[in-house]
Amino acid sequence: MALGDAMMRGGILEKKLAEKEKKMKRDILGNYILDSLEACGGNLEKLQGIVEIDETHVGGIEGNKHEHKKLKAGRGTVGKTAVLGLRERGGRTRAKVIKATDAGTITDIIVQNVEVGSMLHTDEAAIYDNIGGLFYSHDTINHSNGEYVRDDVTTNSIESVFAVLKRGLIGVYHHVSPKHLPRYVDEFSFRLNEGNVKHHTMTRLDSFVKGTAGKRLTYKTLIH
């Protein structure tokens, strides 16, 4: 084997191993998943006060895909993965990849993660129509009418979370498969919750280490 070929293959192998290592680190951060309530940096309390809620979709633009990869089922959210985000006003963030954006799925996540009596701020989407009432107060902002802020009612904070997520995915990672997207979402949730420079560096590191305690991620689990 020529020296040049060996070096090229070695470089490819090194690149692949580095990518696998990154994914494993990201999976460690993924221990901060919404279901275990650790995505808020170890704070197990439910979100409370004013909580902004919104959903977004992550994935390539259908028109930009190679012809053989196009689903040819329309535009908009076709072929994209849904992410639900919850942002406590001035506080913690939780986000989760969801399989469906129906009212039942979203209501279940809200009940699991938001304290009863909180005020929920959403846009005018029909999936949020019935989340107010007995357990929560609810106010909406009407984006369809060009309304983005009304007094203190807004979803700008959670939309900023999605902006940071997407800029990171596009600008840093370039491509994310639906399989590994939950790990990236967990990583950005952790960063937002624990990245505050007001917290001492050692405190932030301690949060990360606690999240890995007792967790084991094998290569086989990662790739399957």
N, C-alpha and C. Protein backbone atom coordinates (compact mmCIF):
# COMPACT_ATOMS: atom_id res chain seq x y z
N MET A 1 0.85 -1.19 0.00
CA MET A 1 0.00 0.00 0.00
C MET A 1 0.88 1.25 0.00
N ALA A 2 0.60 2.16 -0.88
CA ALA A 2 1.38 3.38 -0.95
C ALA A 2 1.22 4.20 0.32
N LEU A 3 2.29 4.91 0.67
CA LEU A 3 2.26 5.73 1.88
C LEU A 3 1.12 6.74 1.83
N GLY A 4 0.90 7.36 0.64
CA GLY A 4 -0.17 8.35 0.51
C GLY A 4 -1.54 7.75 0.78
N ASP A 5 -1.79 6.52 0.27
CA ASP A 5 -3.07 5.85 0.50
C ASP A 5 -3.25 5.53 1.97
N ALA A 6 -2.19 5.09 2.60
CA ALA A 6 -2.27 4.75 4.03
C ALA A 6 -2.60 5.98 4.86
N MET A 7 -1.95 7.10 4.53
CA MET A 7 -2.20 8.33 5.27
C MET A 7 -3.63 8.80 5.07
N MET A 8 -4.12 8.66 3.82
CA MET A 8 -5.49 9.09 3.53
C MET A 8 -6.48 8.25 4.30
N ARG A 9 -6.28 6.91 4.30
CA ARG A 9 -7.20 6.03 5.03
C ARG A 9 -7.11 6.27 6.52
N GLY A 10 -5.89 6.53 6.99
CA GLY A 10 -5.73 6.83 8.41
C GLY A 10 -6.46 8.10 8.80
N GLY A 11 -6.42 9.10 7.90
CA GLY A 11 -7.11 10.35 8.18
C GLY A 11 -8.61 10.17 8.20
N ILE A 12 -9.14 9.34 7.29
CA ILE A 12 -10.57 9.06 7.25
C ILE A 12 -11.01 8.35 8.51
N LEU A 13 -10.22 7.34 8.94
CA LEU A 13 -10.55 6.60 10.15
C LEU A 13 -10.54 7.51 11.37
N GLU A 14 -9.51 8.37 11.44
CA GLU A 14 -9.41 9.31 12.57
C GLU A 14 -10.62 10.24 12.62
N LYS A 15 -11.06 10.70 11.45
CA LYS A 15 -12.21 11.59 11.38
C LYS A 15 -13.47 10.88 11.86
N LYS A 16 -13.64 9.62 11.44
CA LYS A 16 -14.82 8.85 11.84
C LYS A 16 -14.82 8.60 13.35
N LEU A 17 -13.66 8.27 13.90
CA LEU A 17 -13.57 8.03 15.34
C LEU A 17 -13.86 9.30 16.12
N ALA A 18 -13.37 10.43 15.61
CA ALA A 18 -13.62 11.72 16.28
C ALA A 18 -15.11 12.04 16.29
N GLU A 19 -15.79 11.73 15.17
CA GLU A 19 -17.22 11.99 15.09
C GLU A 19 -17.99 11.10 16.06
N LYS A 20 -17.58 9.82 16.17
CA LYS A 20 -18.23 8.91 17.11
C LYS A 20 -18.02 9.38 18.55
N GLU A 21 -16.81 9.91 18.83
CA GLU A 21 -16.53 10.42 20.17
C GLU A 21 -17.42 11.61 20.50
N LYS A 22 -17.61 12.50 19.50
CA LYS A 22 -18.49 13.65 19.71
C LYS A 22 -19.91 13.20 20.01
N LYS A 23 -20.38 12.18 19.28
CA LYS A 23 -21.73 11.68 19.50
C LYS A 23 -21.88 11.06 20.88
N MET A 24 -20.83 10.39 21.33
CA MET A 24 -20.88 9.79 22.66
C MET A 24 -20.94 10.87 23.74
N LYS A 25 -20.16 11.93 23.54
CA LYS A 25 -20.21 13.05 24.50
C LYS A 25 -21.59 13.67 24.51
N ARG A 26 -22.14 13.80 23.30
CA ARG A 26 -23.46 14.39 23.18
C ARG A 26 -24.51 13.51 23.85
N ASP A 27 -24.31 12.20 23.81
CA ASP A 27 -25.25 11.29 24.43
C ASP A 27 -25.16 11.38 25.95
N ILE A 28 -23.96 11.66 26.45
CA ILE A 28 -23.83 11.89 27.89
C ILE A 28 -24.65 13.11 28.29
N LEU A 29 -24.52 14.18 27.48
CA LEU A 29 -25.35 15.36 27.74
C LEU A 29 -26.82 14.99 27.61
N GLY A 30 -27.10 13.99 26.79
CA GLY A 30 -28.47 13.55 26.59
C GLY A 30 -29.08 12.92 27.82
N ASN A 31 -28.28 12.66 28.86
CA ASN A 31 -28.86 12.20 30.12
C ASN A 31 -29.72 13.28 30.74
N TYR A 32 -29.58 14.52 30.23
CA TYR A 32 -30.40 15.63 30.70
C TYR A 32 -31.68 15.70 29.88
N ILE A 33 -32.27 14.55 29.59
CA ILE A 33 -33.47 14.53 28.75
C ILE A 33 -34.68 15.03 29.50
N LEU A 34 -35.69 15.46 28.74
CA LEU A 34 -36.89 16.04 29.32
C LEU A 34 -37.60 15.06 30.24
N ASP A 35 -37.65 13.78 29.85
CA ASP A 35 -38.39 12.79 30.63
C ASP A 35 -37.85 12.66 32.04
N SER A 36 -36.54 12.77 32.22
CA SER A 36 -35.95 12.65 33.54
C SER A 36 -35.80 14.00 34.21
N LEU A 37 -36.21 15.05 33.54
CA LEU A 37 -36.18 16.42 34.05
C LEU A 37 -34.77 16.92 34.32
N GLU A 38 -33.75 16.27 33.75
CA GLU A 38 -32.39 16.70 33.99
C GLU A 38 -31.88 17.64 32.92
N ALA A 39 -32.69 17.90 31.90
CA ALA A 39 -32.26 18.83 30.85
C ALA A 39 -32.16 20.25 31.38
N CYS A 40 -32.71 20.48 32.57
CA CYS A 40 -32.64 21.81 33.15
C CYS A 40 -31.42 21.94 34.05
N GLY A 41 -30.43 21.06 33.85
CA GLY A 41 -29.20 21.17 34.61
C GLY A 41 -29.31 20.57 36.00
N GLY A 42 -30.12 19.53 36.14
CA GLY A 42 -30.22 18.85 37.42
C GLY A 42 -31.32 19.40 38.32
N ASN A 43 -31.96 20.48 37.96
CA ASN A 43 -33.06 21.03 38.74
C ASN A 43 -34.32 20.24 38.44
N LEU A 44 -34.80 19.47 39.40
CA LEU A 44 -35.91 18.56 39.16
C LEU A 44 -37.27 19.21 39.33
N GLU A 45 -37.30 20.47 39.74
CA GLU A 45 -38.58 21.14 39.92
C GLU A 45 -39.22 21.45 38.57
N LYS A 46 -40.54 21.43 38.53
CA LYS A 46 -41.24 21.77 37.31
C LYS A 46 -41.08 23.26 37.00
N LEU A 47 -41.20 23.60 35.73
CA LEU A 47 -41.17 25.00 35.33
C LEU A 47 -42.37 25.70 35.95
N GLN A 48 -42.22 26.98 36.26
CA GLN A 48 -43.32 27.69 36.91
C GLN A 48 -43.29 29.17 36.54
N GLY A 49 -44.33 29.88 36.99
CA GLY A 49 -44.45 31.29 36.65
C GLY A 49 -44.98 31.42 35.23
N ILE A 50 -44.37 32.30 34.44
CA ILE A 50 -44.73 32.42 33.02
C ILE A 50 -43.87 31.44 32.22
N VAL A 51 -44.52 30.57 31.48
CA VAL A 51 -43.81 29.56 30.69
C VAL A 51 -44.21 29.72 29.22
N GLU A 52 -43.24 30.00 28.39
CA GLU A 52 -43.48 30.13 26.95
C GLU A 52 -43.32 28.76 26.29
N ILE A 53 -44.25 28.43 25.39
CA ILE A 53 -44.26 27.12 24.75
C ILE A 53 -44.41 27.30 23.24
N ASP A 54 -43.63 26.56 22.50
CA ASP A 54 -43.73 26.61 21.05
C ASP A 54 -43.12 25.35 20.47
N GLU A 55 -43.40 25.10 19.22
CA GLU A 55 -42.81 23.95 18.54
C GLU A 55 -42.13 24.42 17.27
N THR A 56 -41.14 23.68 16.85
CA THR A 56 -40.44 23.98 15.60
C THR A 56 -40.15 22.68 14.88
N HIS A 57 -39.69 22.78 13.65
CA HIS A 57 -39.37 21.59 12.87
C HIS A 57 -37.95 21.72 12.34
N VAL A 58 -37.19 20.64 12.47
CA VAL A 58 -35.79 20.64 12.07
C VAL A 58 -35.60 19.68 10.89
N GLY A 59 -34.94 20.17 9.85
CA GLY A 59 -34.69 19.32 8.68
C GLY A 59 -34.44 20.17 7.45
N GLY A 60 -33.93 19.54 6.42
CA GLY A 60 -33.60 20.26 5.20
C GLY A 60 -34.83 20.73 4.44
N ILE A 61 -34.64 21.75 3.64
CA ILE A 61 -35.71 22.27 2.79
C ILE A 61 -35.94 21.28 1.65
N GLU A 62 -37.17 20.90 1.45
CA GLU A 62 -37.50 19.88 0.45
C GLU A 62 -36.96 20.24 -0.94
N GLY A 63 -37.08 21.49 -1.32
CA GLY A 63 -36.64 21.91 -2.65
C GLY A 63 -35.14 21.86 -2.85
N ASN A 64 -34.38 21.83 -1.74
CA ASN A 64 -32.92 21.80 -1.84
C ASN A 64 -32.34 20.39 -1.86
N LYS A 65 -33.19 19.39 -1.68
CA LYS A 65 -32.70 18.01 -1.60
C LYS A 65 -32.43 17.43 -2.99
N HIS A 66 -31.54 16.42 -3.03
CA HIS A 66 -31.34 15.68 -4.27
C HIS A 66 -32.66 15.02 -4.68
N GLU A 67 -32.84 14.87 -5.94
CA GLU A 67 -34.11 14.37 -6.46
C GLU A 67 -34.52 13.04 -5.83
N HIS A 68 -33.57 12.14 -5.64
CA HIS A 68 -33.91 10.82 -5.09
C HIS A 68 -34.24 10.85 -3.60
N LYS A 69 -33.95 11.99 -2.94
CA LYS A 69 -34.25 12.12 -1.52
C LYS A 69 -35.55 12.90 -1.24
N LYS A 70 -36.12 13.47 -2.29
CA LYS A 70 -37.34 14.24 -2.10
C LYS A 70 -38.52 13.32 -1.82
N LEU A 71 -39.34 13.71 -0.86
CA LEU A 71 -40.52 12.90 -0.51
C LEU A 71 -41.69 13.18 -1.45
N LYS A 72 -41.66 14.35 -2.08
CA LYS A 72 -42.70 14.75 -3.02
C LYS A 72 -44.09 14.64 -2.39
N ALA A 73 -44.16 15.15 -1.16
CA ALA A 73 -45.43 15.11 -0.41
C ALA A 73 -45.82 16.50 0.06
N GLY A 74 -45.31 17.51 -0.62
CA GLY A 74 -45.64 18.88 -0.22
C GLY A 74 -44.42 19.58 0.34
N ARG A 75 -44.65 20.75 0.93
CA ARG A 75 -43.55 21.53 1.50
C ARG A 75 -43.79 21.76 2.98
N GLY A 76 -43.21 22.81 3.52
CA GLY A 76 -43.41 23.14 4.93
C GLY A 76 -42.70 22.16 5.84
N THR A 77 -43.45 21.40 6.64
CA THR A 77 -42.86 20.50 7.64
C THR A 77 -42.61 19.10 7.09
N VAL A 78 -42.87 18.88 5.81
CA VAL A 78 -42.68 17.55 5.21
C VAL A 78 -41.23 17.10 5.36
N GLY A 79 -41.03 15.90 5.90
CA GLY A 79 -39.70 15.35 6.06
C GLY A 79 -38.90 15.92 7.21
N LYS A 80 -39.51 16.76 8.02
CA LYS A 80 -38.80 17.38 9.14
C LYS A 80 -39.22 16.75 10.47
N THR A 81 -38.39 16.95 11.48
CA THR A 81 -38.64 16.39 12.81
C THR A 81 -39.09 17.49 13.75
N ALA A 82 -40.16 17.23 14.49
CA ALA A 82 -40.73 18.24 15.39
C ALA A 82 -40.00 18.28 16.72
N VAL A 83 -39.82 19.49 17.24
CA VAL A 83 -39.22 19.71 18.56
C VAL A 83 -40.12 20.64 19.35
N LEU A 84 -40.48 20.24 20.55
CA LEU A 84 -41.29 21.08 21.44
C LEU A 84 -40.38 21.73 22.46
N GLY A 85 -40.55 23.04 22.66
CA GLY A 85 -39.74 23.75 23.63
C GLY A 85 -40.58 24.44 24.69
N LEU A 86 -40.10 24.46 25.91
CA LEU A 86 -40.74 25.15 27.03
C LEU A 86 -39.70 26.02 27.71
N ARG A 87 -39.99 27.28 27.87
CA ARG A 87 -39.02 28.23 28.44
C ARG A 87 -39.65 28.99 29.59
N GLU A 88 -39.11 28.80 30.76
CA GLU A 88 -39.55 29.53 31.94
C GLU A 88 -39.04 30.96 31.84
N ARG A 89 -39.92 31.94 31.95
CA ARG A 89 -39.52 33.33 31.78
C ARG A 89 -38.39 33.68 32.74
N GLY A 90 -37.24 34.01 32.17
CA GLY A 90 -36.08 34.36 32.98
C GLY A 90 -35.41 33.17 33.65
N GLY A 91 -35.76 31.95 33.21
CA GLY A 91 -35.23 30.78 33.89
C GLY A 91 -34.82 29.65 32.97
N ARG A 92 -35.35 28.46 33.26
CA ARG A 92 -34.87 27.23 32.64
C ARG A 92 -35.56 26.93 31.31
N THR A 93 -34.88 26.09 30.54
CA THR A 93 -35.41 25.64 29.25
C THR A 93 -35.48 24.13 29.22
N ARG A 94 -36.54 23.63 28.63
CA ARG A 94 -36.65 22.19 28.34
C ARG A 94 -37.11 22.03 26.91
N ALA A 95 -36.54 21.07 26.24
CA ALA A 95 -36.90 20.83 24.84
C ALA A 95 -36.85 19.34 24.56
N LYS A 96 -37.69 18.90 23.65
CA LYS A 96 -37.80 17.47 23.38
C LYS A 96 -38.25 17.22 21.95
N VAL A 97 -37.61 16.27 21.31
CA VAL A 97 -38.08 15.80 20.01
C VAL A 97 -39.37 15.03 20.22
N ILE A 98 -40.39 15.35 19.43
CA ILE A 98 -41.68 14.67 19.56
C ILE A 98 -42.07 14.04 18.24
N LYS A 99 -42.81 12.94 18.32
CA LYS A 99 -43.21 12.22 17.11
C LYS A 99 -44.42 12.85 16.44
N ALA A 100 -45.23 13.57 17.22
CA ALA A 100 -46.43 14.20 16.67
C ALA A 100 -46.67 15.53 17.36
N THR A 101 -47.32 16.44 16.64
CA THR A 101 -47.62 17.76 17.21
C THR A 101 -49.11 17.89 17.48
N ASP A 102 -49.74 16.82 17.92
CA ASP A 102 -51.16 16.86 18.23
C ASP A 102 -51.35 17.39 19.65
N ALA A 103 -52.58 17.82 19.94
CA ALA A 103 -52.88 18.44 21.24
C ALA A 103 -52.62 17.48 22.39
N GLY A 104 -52.92 16.20 22.21
CA GLY A 104 -52.74 15.23 23.29
C GLY A 104 -51.28 15.08 23.69
N THR A 105 -50.42 14.94 22.70
CA THR A 105 -48.98 14.79 22.97
C THR A 105 -48.43 16.00 23.70
N ILE A 106 -48.77 17.18 23.21
CA ILE A 106 -48.23 18.41 23.79
C ILE A 106 -48.80 18.66 25.19
N THR A 107 -50.07 18.39 25.38
CA THR A 107 -50.68 18.58 26.70
C THR A 107 -50.03 17.67 27.73
N ASP A 108 -49.75 16.42 27.36
CA ASP A 108 -49.10 15.49 28.29
C ASP A 108 -47.74 16.01 28.73
N ILE A 109 -46.97 16.55 27.80
CA ILE A 109 -45.65 17.07 28.13
C ILE A 109 -45.75 18.30 29.04
N ILE A 110 -46.73 19.15 28.77
CA ILE A 110 -46.94 20.33 29.61
C ILE A 110 -47.28 19.91 31.04
N VAL A 111 -48.19 18.97 31.19
CA VAL A 111 -48.60 18.51 32.52
C VAL A 111 -47.42 17.91 33.28
N GLN A 112 -46.56 17.18 32.57
CA GLN A 112 -45.41 16.53 33.20
C GLN A 112 -44.35 17.53 33.64
N ASN A 113 -44.32 18.71 33.01
CA ASN A 113 -43.16 19.58 33.20
C ASN A 113 -43.46 21.00 33.66
N VAL A 114 -44.72 21.36 33.78
CA VAL A 114 -45.07 22.72 34.20
C VAL A 114 -45.94 22.67 35.45
N GLU A 115 -45.59 23.48 36.41
CA GLU A 115 -46.29 23.52 37.69
C GLU A 115 -47.72 24.02 37.50
N VAL A 116 -48.66 23.37 38.18
CA VAL A 116 -50.06 23.79 38.15
C VAL A 116 -50.16 25.24 38.65
N GLY A 117 -50.98 26.03 37.97
CA GLY A 117 -51.15 27.42 38.34
C GLY A 117 -50.27 28.37 37.55
N SER A 118 -49.39 27.82 36.71
CA SER A 118 -48.51 28.67 35.90
C SER A 118 -49.28 29.34 34.78
N MET A 119 -48.71 30.40 34.25
CA MET A 119 -49.27 31.10 33.09
C MET A 119 -48.55 30.63 31.84
N LEU A 120 -49.30 30.12 30.87
CA LEU A 120 -48.71 29.62 29.64
C LEU A 120 -48.88 30.64 28.52
N HIS A 121 -47.81 30.93 27.82
CA HIS A 121 -47.86 31.81 26.64
C HIS A 121 -47.54 30.99 25.40
N THR A 122 -48.43 31.00 24.43
CA THR A 122 -48.22 30.28 23.17
C THR A 122 -48.64 31.16 22.00
N ASP A 123 -48.43 30.63 20.79
CA ASP A 123 -49.00 31.32 19.64
C ASP A 123 -50.44 30.85 19.46
N GLU A 124 -51.04 31.20 18.32
CA GLU A 124 -52.48 30.94 18.13
C GLU A 124 -52.80 29.56 17.58
N ALA A 125 -51.81 28.67 17.48
CA ALA A 125 -52.04 27.34 16.91
C ALA A 125 -53.15 26.60 17.67
N ALA A 126 -53.96 25.89 16.92
CA ALA A 126 -55.13 25.21 17.49
C ALA A 126 -54.75 24.15 18.52
N ILE A 127 -53.55 23.60 18.43
CA ILE A 127 -53.15 22.55 19.37
C ILE A 127 -53.07 23.05 20.80
N TYR A 128 -53.04 24.38 20.98
CA TYR A 128 -52.96 24.95 22.33
C TYR A 128 -54.31 25.45 22.84
N ASP A 129 -55.36 25.25 22.08
CA ASP A 129 -56.67 25.84 22.42
C ASP A 129 -57.18 25.46 23.80
N ASN A 130 -56.95 24.23 24.22
CA ASN A 130 -57.59 23.74 25.46
C ASN A 130 -56.63 23.54 26.62
N ILE A 131 -55.45 24.18 26.57
CA ILE A 131 -54.50 23.94 27.66
C ILE A 131 -54.75 24.84 28.87
N GLY A 132 -55.56 25.86 28.71
CA GLY A 132 -55.89 26.73 29.85
C GLY A 132 -57.09 26.19 30.60
N GLY A 133 -57.48 26.88 31.66
CA GLY A 133 -58.69 26.48 32.37
C GLY A 133 -58.42 26.09 33.80
N LEU A 134 -58.67 24.81 34.12
CA LEU A 134 -58.64 24.34 35.51
C LEU A 134 -57.24 24.39 36.13
N PHE A 135 -56.21 24.00 35.36
CA PHE A 135 -54.88 23.86 35.94
C PHE A 135 -53.92 25.00 35.58
N TYR A 136 -54.13 25.64 34.43
CA TYR A 136 -53.22 26.68 33.98
C TYR A 136 -53.98 27.89 33.48
N SER A 137 -53.32 29.05 33.57
CA SER A 137 -53.80 30.22 32.85
C SER A 137 -53.14 30.18 31.48
N HIS A 138 -53.79 30.78 30.49
CA HIS A 138 -53.26 30.68 29.13
C HIS A 138 -53.55 31.97 28.36
N ASP A 139 -52.53 32.49 27.71
CA ASP A 139 -52.70 33.64 26.85
C ASP A 139 -51.94 33.40 25.56
N THR A 140 -52.43 33.96 24.48
CA THR A 140 -51.82 33.70 23.17
C THR A 140 -51.39 35.00 22.51
N ILE A 141 -50.44 34.82 21.61
CA ILE A 141 -49.99 35.91 20.75
C ILE A 141 -50.33 35.48 19.32
N ASN A 142 -50.85 36.41 18.53
CA ASN A 142 -51.34 36.04 17.20
C ASN A 142 -50.32 36.42 16.12
N HIS A 143 -49.48 35.46 15.78
CA HIS A 143 -48.45 35.71 14.78
C HIS A 143 -49.05 35.94 13.39
N SER A 144 -50.18 35.30 13.13
CA SER A 144 -50.81 35.44 11.81
C SER A 144 -51.20 36.88 11.52
N ASN A 145 -51.48 37.64 12.57
CA ASN A 145 -51.85 39.04 12.42
C ASN A 145 -50.66 39.98 12.62
N GLY A 146 -49.47 39.42 12.63
CA GLY A 146 -48.27 40.24 12.81
C GLY A 146 -48.05 40.67 14.24
N GLU A 147 -48.66 39.98 15.19
CA GLU A 147 -48.52 40.33 16.61
C GLU A 147 -47.45 39.44 17.24
N TYR A 148 -46.46 40.08 17.85
CA TYR A 148 -45.38 39.31 18.47
C TYR A 148 -45.20 39.62 19.96
N VAL A 149 -45.68 40.80 20.37
CA VAL A 149 -45.63 41.18 21.79
C VAL A 149 -46.89 41.95 22.10
N ARG A 150 -47.55 41.61 23.20
CA ARG A 150 -48.70 42.36 23.69
C ARG A 150 -48.59 42.43 25.21
N ASP A 151 -48.24 43.61 25.70
CA ASP A 151 -47.92 43.76 27.13
C ASP A 151 -46.78 42.79 27.46
N ASP A 152 -47.02 41.82 28.37
CA ASP A 152 -45.94 40.87 28.69
C ASP A 152 -46.16 39.52 28.01
N VAL A 153 -47.13 39.46 27.10
CA VAL A 153 -47.43 38.20 26.41
C VAL A 153 -46.55 38.09 25.17
N THR A 154 -45.74 37.06 25.12
CA THR A 154 -44.85 36.85 23.97
C THR A 154 -44.29 35.43 24.01
N THR A 155 -43.82 34.96 22.89
CA THR A 155 -43.11 33.69 22.84
C THR A 155 -41.69 33.92 22.31
N ASN A 156 -41.21 35.14 22.42
CA ASN A 156 -39.90 35.49 21.87
C ASN A 156 -38.75 34.71 22.50
N SER A 157 -38.87 34.40 23.79
CA SER A 157 -37.77 33.71 24.48
C SER A 157 -37.60 32.29 23.95
N ILE A 158 -38.70 31.56 23.82
CA ILE A 158 -38.58 30.18 23.33
C ILE A 158 -38.19 30.17 21.85
N GLU A 159 -38.63 31.17 21.11
CA GLU A 159 -38.23 31.25 19.71
C GLU A 159 -36.73 31.55 19.59
N SER A 160 -36.19 32.30 20.54
CA SER A 160 -34.75 32.55 20.56
C SER A 160 -33.98 31.26 20.83
N VAL A 161 -34.55 30.41 21.67
CA VAL A 161 -33.93 29.11 21.93
C VAL A 161 -33.83 28.31 20.63
N PHE A 162 -34.91 28.28 19.87
CA PHE A 162 -34.89 27.55 18.60
C PHE A 162 -33.90 28.18 17.62
N ALA A 163 -33.77 29.50 17.66
CA ALA A 163 -32.83 30.18 16.76
C ALA A 163 -31.40 29.75 17.08
N VAL A 164 -31.06 29.68 18.37
CA VAL A 164 -29.73 29.25 18.79
C VAL A 164 -29.50 27.80 18.37
N LEU A 165 -30.49 26.96 18.57
CA LEU A 165 -30.39 25.54 18.19
C LEU A 165 -30.12 25.40 16.70
N LYS A 166 -30.92 26.07 15.89
CA LYS A 166 -30.79 25.90 14.44
C LYS A 166 -29.51 26.51 13.89
N ARG A 167 -29.10 27.65 14.45
CA ARG A 167 -27.85 28.24 13.98
C ARG A 167 -26.68 27.32 14.33
N GLY A 168 -26.76 26.66 15.48
CA GLY A 168 -25.72 25.71 15.86
C GLY A 168 -25.69 24.51 14.94
N LEU A 169 -26.86 23.99 14.63
CA LEU A 169 -26.94 22.81 13.76
C LEU A 169 -26.43 23.15 12.36
N ILE A 170 -26.85 24.31 11.84
CA ILE A 170 -26.47 24.69 10.48
C ILE A 170 -25.00 25.14 10.41
N GLY A 171 -24.61 25.98 11.35
CA GLY A 171 -23.29 26.59 11.29
C GLY A 171 -22.16 25.72 11.80
N VAL A 172 -22.45 24.81 12.72
CA VAL A 172 -21.40 23.99 13.32
C VAL A 172 -21.45 22.55 12.81
N TYR A 173 -22.62 21.93 12.90
CA TYR A 173 -22.71 20.51 12.60
C TYR A 173 -23.14 20.23 11.16
N HIS A 174 -23.77 21.20 10.53
CA HIS A 174 -24.16 21.13 9.10
C HIS A 174 -25.28 20.12 8.81
N HIS A 175 -25.16 18.93 9.34
CA HIS A 175 -26.18 17.90 9.09
C HIS A 175 -26.44 17.11 10.36
N VAL A 176 -27.71 16.88 10.64
CA VAL A 176 -28.11 16.08 11.81
C VAL A 176 -29.18 15.11 11.37
N SER A 177 -28.98 13.84 11.66
CA SER A 177 -30.00 12.85 11.31
C SER A 177 -31.10 12.84 12.37
N PRO A 178 -32.32 12.47 11.99
CA PRO A 178 -33.41 12.37 12.98
C PRO A 178 -33.06 11.45 14.14
N LYS A 179 -32.27 10.41 13.84
CA LYS A 179 -31.87 9.46 14.89
C LYS A 179 -31.12 10.13 16.02
N HIS A 180 -30.20 11.04 15.68
CA HIS A 180 -29.35 11.65 16.69
C HIS A 180 -29.83 13.04 17.12
N LEU A 181 -30.87 13.57 16.49
CA LEU A 181 -31.35 14.90 16.84
C LEU A 181 -31.66 15.06 18.32
N PRO A 182 -32.28 14.07 18.99
CA PRO A 182 -32.54 14.24 20.43
C PRO A 182 -31.29 14.55 21.23
N ARG A 183 -30.15 13.99 20.83
CA ARG A 183 -28.90 14.25 21.54
C ARG A 183 -28.46 15.70 21.38
N TYR A 184 -28.62 16.23 20.16
CA TYR A 184 -28.26 17.63 19.92
C TYR A 184 -29.19 18.57 20.69
N VAL A 185 -30.48 18.25 20.72
CA VAL A 185 -31.44 19.07 21.46
C VAL A 185 -31.10 19.08 22.95
N ASP A 186 -30.72 17.91 23.47
CA ASP A 186 -30.33 17.83 24.88
C ASP A 186 -29.06 18.65 25.14
N GLU A 187 -28.13 18.59 24.20
CA GLU A 187 -26.89 19.35 24.36
C GLU A 187 -27.16 20.84 24.46
N PHE A 188 -28.01 21.35 23.56
CA PHE A 188 -28.29 22.79 23.58
C PHE A 188 -29.12 23.18 24.80
N SER A 189 -30.00 22.29 25.26
CA SER A 189 -30.75 22.57 26.49
C SER A 189 -29.80 22.70 27.67
N PHE A 190 -28.85 21.78 27.74
CA PHE A 190 -27.87 21.83 28.81
C PHE A 190 -27.05 23.11 28.75
N ARG A 191 -26.62 23.47 27.55
CA ARG A 191 -25.82 24.69 27.39
C ARG A 191 -26.58 25.93 27.86
N LEU A 192 -27.85 26.00 27.48
CA LEU A 192 -28.65 27.17 27.84
C LEU A 192 -28.87 27.23 29.35
N ASN A 193 -29.07 26.08 29.97
CA ASN A 193 -29.36 26.06 31.40
C ASN A 193 -28.12 26.19 32.27
N GLU A 194 -27.02 25.61 31.81
CA GLU A 194 -25.81 25.59 32.63
C GLU A 194 -24.72 26.52 32.12
N GLY A 195 -24.96 27.17 30.98
CA GLY A 195 -23.92 28.01 30.39
C GLY A 195 -23.88 29.43 30.91
N ASN A 196 -24.77 29.76 31.82
CA ASN A 196 -24.81 31.12 32.37
C ASN A 196 -23.51 31.46 33.08
N VAL A 197 -22.84 32.51 32.62
CA VAL A 197 -21.54 32.86 33.19
C VAL A 197 -21.65 33.33 34.64
N LYS A 198 -22.88 33.57 35.11
CA LYS A 198 -23.06 33.94 36.51
C LYS A 198 -22.78 32.74 37.42
N HIS A 199 -22.88 31.53 36.84
CA HIS A 199 -22.58 30.32 37.60
C HIS A 199 -21.09 30.03 37.51
N HIS A 200 -20.50 29.67 38.63
CA HIS A 200 -19.07 29.36 38.64
C HIS A 200 -18.79 28.17 37.72
N THR A 201 -17.64 28.20 37.06
CA THR A 201 -17.27 27.14 36.12
C THR A 201 -17.32 25.78 36.77
N MET A 202 -16.83 25.67 37.98
CA MET A 202 -16.81 24.37 38.68
C MET A 202 -18.23 23.90 39.00
N THR A 203 -19.13 24.85 39.24
CA THR A 203 -20.53 24.48 39.48
C THR A 203 -21.15 23.89 38.23
N ARG A 204 -20.83 24.49 37.08
CA ARG A 204 -21.35 23.99 35.81
C ARG A 204 -20.77 22.61 35.49
N LEU A 205 -19.47 22.44 35.74
CA LEU A 205 -18.85 21.14 35.51
C LEU A 205 -19.43 20.08 36.43
N ASP A 206 -19.70 20.48 37.67
CA ASP A 206 -20.29 19.56 38.64
C ASP A 206 -21.65 19.07 38.15
N SER A 207 -22.42 19.96 37.56
CA SER A 207 -23.73 19.58 37.00
C SER A 207 -23.57 18.53 35.93
N PHE A 208 -22.58 18.72 35.07
CA PHE A 208 -22.33 17.78 33.98
C PHE A 208 -21.92 16.42 34.53
N VAL A 209 -21.00 16.41 35.49
CA VAL A 209 -20.49 15.16 36.05
C VAL A 209 -21.61 14.39 36.75
N LYS A 210 -22.45 15.11 37.50
CA LYS A 210 -23.57 14.46 38.19
C LYS A 210 -24.51 13.79 37.19
N GLY A 211 -24.67 14.43 36.03
CA GLY A 211 -25.56 13.87 35.02
C GLY A 211 -25.04 12.59 34.41
N THR A 212 -23.72 12.37 34.50
CA THR A 212 -23.12 11.16 33.92
C THR A 212 -23.00 10.03 34.92
N ALA A 213 -23.20 10.33 36.19
CA ALA A 213 -23.01 9.32 37.23
C ALA A 213 -23.97 8.14 37.03
N GLY A 214 -23.39 6.95 36.99
CA GLY A 214 -24.21 5.75 36.86
C GLY A 214 -24.71 5.48 35.46
N LYS A 215 -24.33 6.31 34.51
CA LYS A 215 -24.78 6.14 33.13
C LYS A 215 -23.69 5.42 32.33
N ARG A 216 -24.10 4.57 31.44
CA ARG A 216 -23.14 3.85 30.60
C ARG A 216 -23.63 3.83 29.17
N LEU A 217 -22.82 4.33 28.27
CA LEU A 217 -23.16 4.35 26.86
C LEU A 217 -22.14 3.51 26.09
N THR A 218 -22.60 2.44 25.47
CA THR A 218 -21.71 1.60 24.70
C THR A 218 -21.73 2.03 23.23
N TYR A 219 -20.68 1.65 22.52
CA TYR A 219 -20.61 1.95 21.09
C TYR A 219 -21.76 1.28 20.35
N LYS A 220 -22.10 0.07 20.75
CA LYS A 220 -23.18 -0.67 20.10
C LYS A 220 -24.50 0.07 20.26
N THR A 221 -24.74 0.59 21.45
CA THR A 221 -25.97 1.34 21.69
C THR A 221 -26.01 2.61 20.84
N LEU A 222 -24.85 3.22 20.71
CA LEU A 222 -24.76 4.48 19.97
C LEU A 222 -25.10 4.33 18.49
N ILE A 223 -24.63 3.25 17.88
CA ILE A 223 -24.77 3.11 16.43
C ILE A 223 -26.03 2.38 16.02
N HIS A 224 -26.76 1.81 16.99
CA HIS A 224 -27.98 1.07 16.63
C HIS A 224 -29.23 1.78 17.13
